[in-house]
Amino acid sequence: MMIQIEDTVVSTDLIERYFICDLSKCKGECCIEGESGAPLEEEEVAQLEEVLPLIWNDLSAEAQEVIRQQGVAYVDTDGDLVTSIVGGKNCVFTCAAEKGVCQCAVEKAYREGKTDFYKPVSCHLYPVRLTKYPSFTAVNYHRWEVCKAAEVLGRREKVPVYKFLKEPLVRKFGEAWYEALEQCAREWTKV
């Protein structure tokens, strides 16, 4: 089922499914697995290039070489603009954190107060994926085995996907849009 809010069509999975990232279990595997990089909006390429000098030393030598050769982004086989990747799967912006957890070097710089760019919005929104069509944007929950622990934790804590992702949903669509989603969720859960 889908719900229309403004020019978006939202999957009810955001209301019905539960999710809380459990980095202690998954180790940030979503940053190092997949067939292409994270989806990017056009303006995010310039933002990534701007933050690059601040995070350069946090990146692996392999990631630095990929960036030297092709830049921070490329167009994948589906025709989508995505972050560059190392070895056919690892995002170039991935760096190691404590206990073997993958961390986004851009987010790390943001948390250290070095930049006001948090990270690409598609990464911030994950596990929600956006698909743009001529007259609307589809807002869907992407289920992936990598995130099974997040589903278990979310279910245990009773946190729906849309509540876990409040900050990035507001970042992308605005406060009024999110309030409309909350209202839809209240109505949907009454049914």
Foldseek 3Di string as FASTA:
>chain_A
DWDDDDQETEDCLLLVFFFDFDCVPLLACQQFADQFAFFADPVVLVVCVVCCVVQVVQFDPQLVVQCVVPNQWDQDPVRTIHGHAGPRGHGRQWGADPPNHIDGSQCVCVVVVNDVDNHGLRVLLPVWDWDDDPRHIYTYGHDDPSRPVRRVVRVVVVHGNCNNSVVSVCVVPNDVSSVVVVVVSVVVVVD
